[in-house]
C-alpha atoms as a PDB file:
ATOM      1  CA  MET A   1       0.000   0.000   0.000  1.00  0.00           C
ATOM      2  CA  LYS A   2       1.422   3.353  -1.065  1.00  0.00           C
ATOM      3  CA  SER A   3       1.390   6.094   1.570  1.00  0.00           C
ATOM      4  CA  THR A   4       0.725   9.615   0.432  1.00  0.00           C
ATOM      5  CA  HIS A   5       2.115  12.432   2.495  1.00  0.00           C
ATOM      6  CA  ILE A   6       0.538  15.810   1.818  1.00  0.00           C
ATOM      7  CA  ASP A   7       2.568  18.896   2.657  1.00  0.00           C
ATOM      8  CA  VAL A   8       0.233  21.331   4.421  1.00  0.00           C
ATOM      9  CA  ALA A   9       2.400  24.271   3.330  1.00  0.00           C
ATOM     10  CA  ASN A  10       1.546  23.546  -0.312  1.00  0.00           C
ATOM     11  CA  LEU A  11      -2.215  23.289   0.220  1.00  0.00           C
ATOM     12  CA  THR A  12      -4.457  26.022  -1.116  1.00  0.00           C
ATOM     13  CA  ASP A  13      -7.928  27.161  -0.126  1.00  0.00           C
ATOM     14  CA  GLU A  14      -9.209  25.328  -3.216  1.00  0.00           C
ATOM     15  CA  ASP A  15      -7.586  22.073  -2.042  1.00  0.00           C
ATOM     16  CA  ILE A  16      -9.340  22.423   1.308  1.00  0.00           C
ATOM     17  CA  LEU A  17     -12.695  23.101  -0.363  1.00  0.00           C
ATOM     18  CA  LYS A  18     -12.333  19.996  -2.567  1.00  0.00           C
ATOM     19  CA  MET A  19     -12.121  17.733   0.473  1.00  0.00           C
ATOM     20  CA  SER A  20     -15.066  15.523   1.368  1.00  0.00           C
ATOM     21  CA  ASP A  21     -17.529  16.560   4.067  1.00  0.00           C
ATOM     22  CA  ASN A  22     -16.340  13.466   5.942  1.00  0.00           C
ATOM     23  CA  ASP A  23     -12.888  15.102   6.173  1.00  0.00           C
ATOM     24  CA  TYR A  24     -14.258  18.145   8.011  1.00  0.00           C
ATOM     25  CA  MET A  25     -11.704  19.313  10.571  1.00  0.00           C
ATOM     26  CA  ASN A  26      -9.383  16.362  10.074  1.00  0.00           C
ATOM     27  CA  GLN A  27      -5.730  16.813  11.096  1.00  0.00           C
ATOM     28  CA  LEU A  28      -4.794  18.196   7.677  1.00  0.00           C
ATOM     29  CA  GLN A  29      -7.483  20.880   7.776  1.00  0.00           C
ATOM     30  CA  LEU A  30      -6.692  21.760  11.392  1.00  0.00           C
ATOM     31  CA  GLU A  31      -3.014  22.157  10.521  1.00  0.00           C
ATOM     32  CA  TYR A  32      -3.896  24.238   7.449  1.00  0.00           C
ATOM     33  CA  PHE A  33      -5.980  26.643   9.540  1.00  0.00           C
ATOM     34  CA  ARG A  34      -3.360  26.688  12.300  1.00  0.00           C
ATOM     35  CA  ASN A  35      -0.748  27.793   9.742  1.00  0.00           C
ATOM     36  CA  LYS A  36      -3.137  30.389   8.315  1.00  0.00           C
ATOM     37  CA  LEU A  37      -3.828  31.811  11.798  1.00  0.00           C
ATOM     38  CA  LEU A  38      -0.143  31.830  12.781  1.00  0.00           C
ATOM     39  CA  GLN A  39       0.703  33.731   9.596  1.00  0.00           C
ATOM     40  CA  LEU A  40      -2.022  36.291  10.336  1.00  0.00           C
ATOM     41  CA  GLU A  41      -0.770  36.598  13.910  1.00  0.00           C
ATOM     42  CA  GLN A  42       2.773  37.227  12.664  1.00  0.00           C
ATOM     43  CA  GLU A  43       1.580  39.958  10.260  1.00  0.00           C
ATOM     44  CA  ILE A  44      -0.250  41.736  13.081  1.00  0.00           C
ATOM     45  CA  LEU A  45       2.772  41.555  15.379  1.00  0.00           C
ATOM     46  CA  GLU A  46       5.016  42.933  12.623  1.00  0.00           C
ATOM     47  CA  ASN A  47       2.580  45.814  12.007  1.00  0.00           C
ATOM     48  CA  ALA A  48       2.594  46.644  15.713  1.00  0.00           C
ATOM     49  CA  LYS A  49       6.392  46.631  15.754  1.00  0.00           C
ATOM     50  CA  LYS A  50       6.556  48.956  12.723  1.00  0.00           C
ATOM     51  CA  THR A  51       4.054  51.323  14.331  1.00  0.00           C
ATOM     52  CA  THR A  52       6.063  51.438  17.555  1.00  0.00           C
ATOM     53  CA  GLN A  53       9.272  52.146  15.641  1.00  0.00           C
ATOM     54  CA  ALA A  54       7.598  54.888  13.578  1.00  0.00           C
ATOM     55  CA  PHE A  55       6.213  56.564  16.704  1.00  0.00           C
ATOM     56  CA  GLN A  56       9.617  56.430  18.403  1.00  0.00           C
ATOM     57  CA  GLU A  57      11.280  58.007  15.359  1.00  0.00           C
ATOM     58  CA  GLN A  58       8.671  60.778  15.180  1.00  0.00           C
ATOM     59  CA  GLU A  59       9.100  61.649  18.870  1.00  0.00           C
ATOM     60  CA  THR A  60      12.543  63.014  18.130  1.00  0.00           C
ATOM     61  CA  ASN A  61      11.262  65.357  15.396  1.00  0.00           C
ATOM     62  CA  TYR A  62       9.723  68.640  16.514  1.00  0.00           C
ATOM     63  CA  ILE A  63       7.183  70.041  14.070  1.00  0.00           C
ATOM     64  CA  ALA A  64       6.688  73.766  14.465  1.00  0.00           C
ATOM     65  CA  ASP A  65       3.790  74.283  12.091  1.00  0.00           C
ATOM     66  CA  PRO A  66       0.475  73.697  13.929  1.00  0.00           C
ATOM     67  CA  SER A  67      -1.323  72.370  10.835  1.00  0.00           C
ATOM     68  CA  ASP A  68       1.491  69.889  10.170  1.00  0.00           C
ATOM     69  CA  ARG A  69       1.339  68.781  13.815  1.00  0.00           C
ATOM     70  CA  ALA A  70      -2.437  68.365  13.565  1.00  0.00           C
ATOM     71  CA  THR A  71      -2.060  66.257  10.431  1.00  0.00           C
ATOM     72  CA  ILE A  72       0.528  64.038  12.107  1.00  0.00           C
ATOM     73  CA  GLU A  73      -1.643  63.684  15.225  1.00  0.00           C
ATOM     74  CA  GLU A  74      -4.591  62.642  13.058  1.00  0.00           C
ATOM     75  CA  GLU A  75      -2.387  60.059  11.323  1.00  0.00           C
ATOM     76  CA  TYR A  76      -1.320  58.779  14.757  1.00  0.00           C
ATOM     77  CA  ALA A  77      -4.954  58.494  15.829  1.00  0.00           C
ATOM     78  CA  LEU A  78      -5.835  56.512  12.685  1.00  0.00           C
ATOM     79  CA  GLU A  79      -2.827  54.259  13.170  1.00  0.00           C
ATOM     80  CA  LEU A  80      -3.732  53.640  16.805  1.00  0.00           C
ATOM     81  CA  ARG A  81      -7.323  52.750  15.869  1.00  0.00           C
ATOM     82  CA  SER A  82      -5.980  50.275  13.313  1.00  0.00           C
ATOM     83  CA  ARG A  83      -3.659  48.743  15.897  1.00  0.00           C
ATOM     84  CA  ASP A  84      -6.562  48.498  18.370  1.00  0.00           C
ATOM     85  CA  ARG A  85      -8.639  46.588  15.803  1.00  0.00           C
ATOM     86  CA  GLU A  86      -5.650  44.338  15.192  1.00  0.00           C
ATOM     87  CA  ARG A  87      -5.212  43.833  18.954  1.00  0.00           C
ATOM     88  CA  LYS A  88      -8.815  42.591  19.141  1.00  0.00           C
ATOM     89  CA  LEU A  89      -8.229  40.369  16.101  1.00  0.00           C
ATOM     90  CA  LEU A  90      -5.098  39.002  17.783  1.00  0.00           C
ATOM     91  CA  GLN A  91      -7.226  37.884  20.738  1.00  0.00           C
ATOM     92  CA  LYS A  92      -9.602  36.108  18.342  1.00  0.00           C
ATOM     93  CA  ILE A  93      -6.659  34.462  16.559  1.00  0.00           C
ATOM     94  CA  ARG A  94      -5.288  33.174  19.845  1.00  0.00           C
ATOM     95  CA  LYS A  95      -8.712  31.846  20.805  1.00  0.00           C
ATOM     96  CA  ALA A  96      -8.961  30.069  17.430  1.00  0.00           C
ATOM     97  CA  LEU A  97      -5.489  28.553  17.931  1.00  0.00           C
ATOM     98  CA  TYR A  98      -6.617  27.303  21.340  1.00  0.00           C
ATOM     99  CA  LEU A  99      -9.738  25.784  19.761  1.00  0.00           C
ATOM    100  CA  ILE A 100      -7.522  23.974  17.237  1.00  0.00           C
ATOM    101  CA  GLU A 101      -5.433  22.542  20.085  1.00  0.00           C
ATOM    102  CA  THR A 102      -8.571  21.317  21.851  1.00  0.00           C
ATOM    103  CA  ASN A 103     -10.153  19.959  18.626  1.00  0.00           C
ATOM    104  CA  GLU A 104     -13.112  22.332  18.970  1.00  0.00           C
ATOM    105  CA  TYR A 105     -12.152  24.538  16.020  1.00  0.00           C
ATOM    106  CA  GLY A 106     -14.613  24.786  13.156  1.00  0.00           C
ATOM    107  CA  PHE A 107     -17.712  24.120  15.229  1.00  0.00           C
ATOM    108  CA  CYS A 108     -20.284  26.738  16.252  1.00  0.00           C
ATOM    109  CA  GLU A 109     -20.005  27.761  19.890  1.00  0.00           C
ATOM    110  CA  ASP A 110     -23.808  28.186  20.055  1.00  0.00           C
ATOM    111  CA  THR A 111     -25.048  25.081  18.218  1.00  0.00           C
ATOM    112  CA  GLY A 112     -22.055  22.745  17.951  1.00  0.00           C
ATOM    113  CA  GLU A 113     -22.680  22.409  14.205  1.00  0.00           C
ATOM    114  CA  PRO A 114     -19.888  22.757  11.625  1.00  0.00           C
ATOM    115  CA  ILE A 115     -19.209  26.406  10.764  1.00  0.00           C
ATOM    116  CA  GLY A 116     -18.233  25.436   7.227  1.00  0.00           C
ATOM    117  CA  LEU A 117     -15.028  25.617   5.243  1.00  0.00           C
ATOM    118  CA  LYS A 118     -16.036  28.576   3.057  1.00  0.00           C
ATOM    119  CA  ARG A 119     -16.792  30.709   6.116  1.00  0.00           C
ATOM    120  CA  LEU A 120     -13.603  29.649   7.898  1.00  0.00           C
ATOM    121  CA  LEU A 121     -11.483  30.351   4.836  1.00  0.00           C
ATOM    122  CA  ALA A 122     -13.016  33.827   4.594  1.00  0.00           C
ATOM    123  CA  ARG A 123     -12.846  34.409   8.355  1.00  0.00           C
ATOM    124  CA  PRO A 124     -10.544  31.916  10.135  1.00  0.00           C
ATOM    125  CA  THR A 125     -11.489  33.339  13.539  1.00  0.00           C
ATOM    126  CA  ALA A 126     -15.227  32.646  13.098  1.00  0.00           C
ATOM    127  CA  THR A 127     -16.788  30.881  16.080  1.00  0.00           C
ATOM    128  CA  LEU A 128     -20.395  30.879  14.870  1.00  0.00           C
ATOM    129  CA  THR A 129     -22.244  29.580  11.835  1.00  0.00           C
ATOM    130  CA  ILE A 130     -23.718  32.303   9.633  1.00  0.00           C
ATOM    131  CA  GLU A 131     -27.193  31.510  10.993  1.00  0.00           C
ATOM    132  CA  ALA A 132     -26.057  31.741  14.627  1.00  0.00           C
ATOM    133  CA  GLN A 133     -24.226  35.002  13.863  1.00  0.00           C
ATOM    134  CA  GLU A 134     -27.376  36.443  12.273  1.00  0.00           C
ATOM    135  CA  ARG A 135     -29.451  35.387  15.310  1.00  0.00           C
ATOM    136  CA  ARG A 136     -27.003  37.120  17.642  1.00  0.00           C
ATOM    137  CA  GLU A 137     -27.018  40.283  15.556  1.00  0.00           C
ATOM    138  CA  THR A 138     -30.820  40.272  15.437  1.00  0.00           C
ATOM    139  CA  MET A 139     -30.984  39.874  19.220  1.00  0.00           C
ATOM    140  CA  GLN A 140     -28.417  42.636  19.762  1.00  0.00           C
ATOM    141  CA  LYS A 141     -30.358  44.952  17.454  1.00  0.00           C
ATOM    142  CA  HIS A 142     -33.640  44.048  19.165  1.00  0.00           C
ATOM    143  CA  PHE A 143     -32.270  44.795  22.631  1.00  0.00           C
ATOM    144  CA  ALA A 144     -30.495  47.943  21.410  1.00  0.00           C
ATOM    145  CA  ASP A 145     -33.862  49.250  20.171  1.00  0.00           C
ATOM    146  CA  LEU A 146     -35.508  48.791  23.580  1.00  0.00           C
END
């Protein structure tokens, strides 16, 4: 019997989508998503490092013109908002990595049903099926209107 070893690093989203429903969240898929999440985590950490370095470099430059200072402060504010969004995403990435380690990844935290490969490929940090997400959003909107 010939053994076939598949290199996860060479897999594509299309390869994952071609897999049988019976293969849902097998070791190969879990490793594929783990790699995808680790790569995303690394990108976020590199962005944070670049932002920190840029801020440290700017601290040494005094800008006399008030409008130039205001422009730079606005750019800082935008950059900090972006980093805050990435910080929140980083928490979701780490939660997803934990779920992979515990073999709970890919299943809805509300219903226990498979989230689905297409959704996970589009949003690897998803913890809810589309239907469960819509229910939550409807409930949040309903209670926000009260």
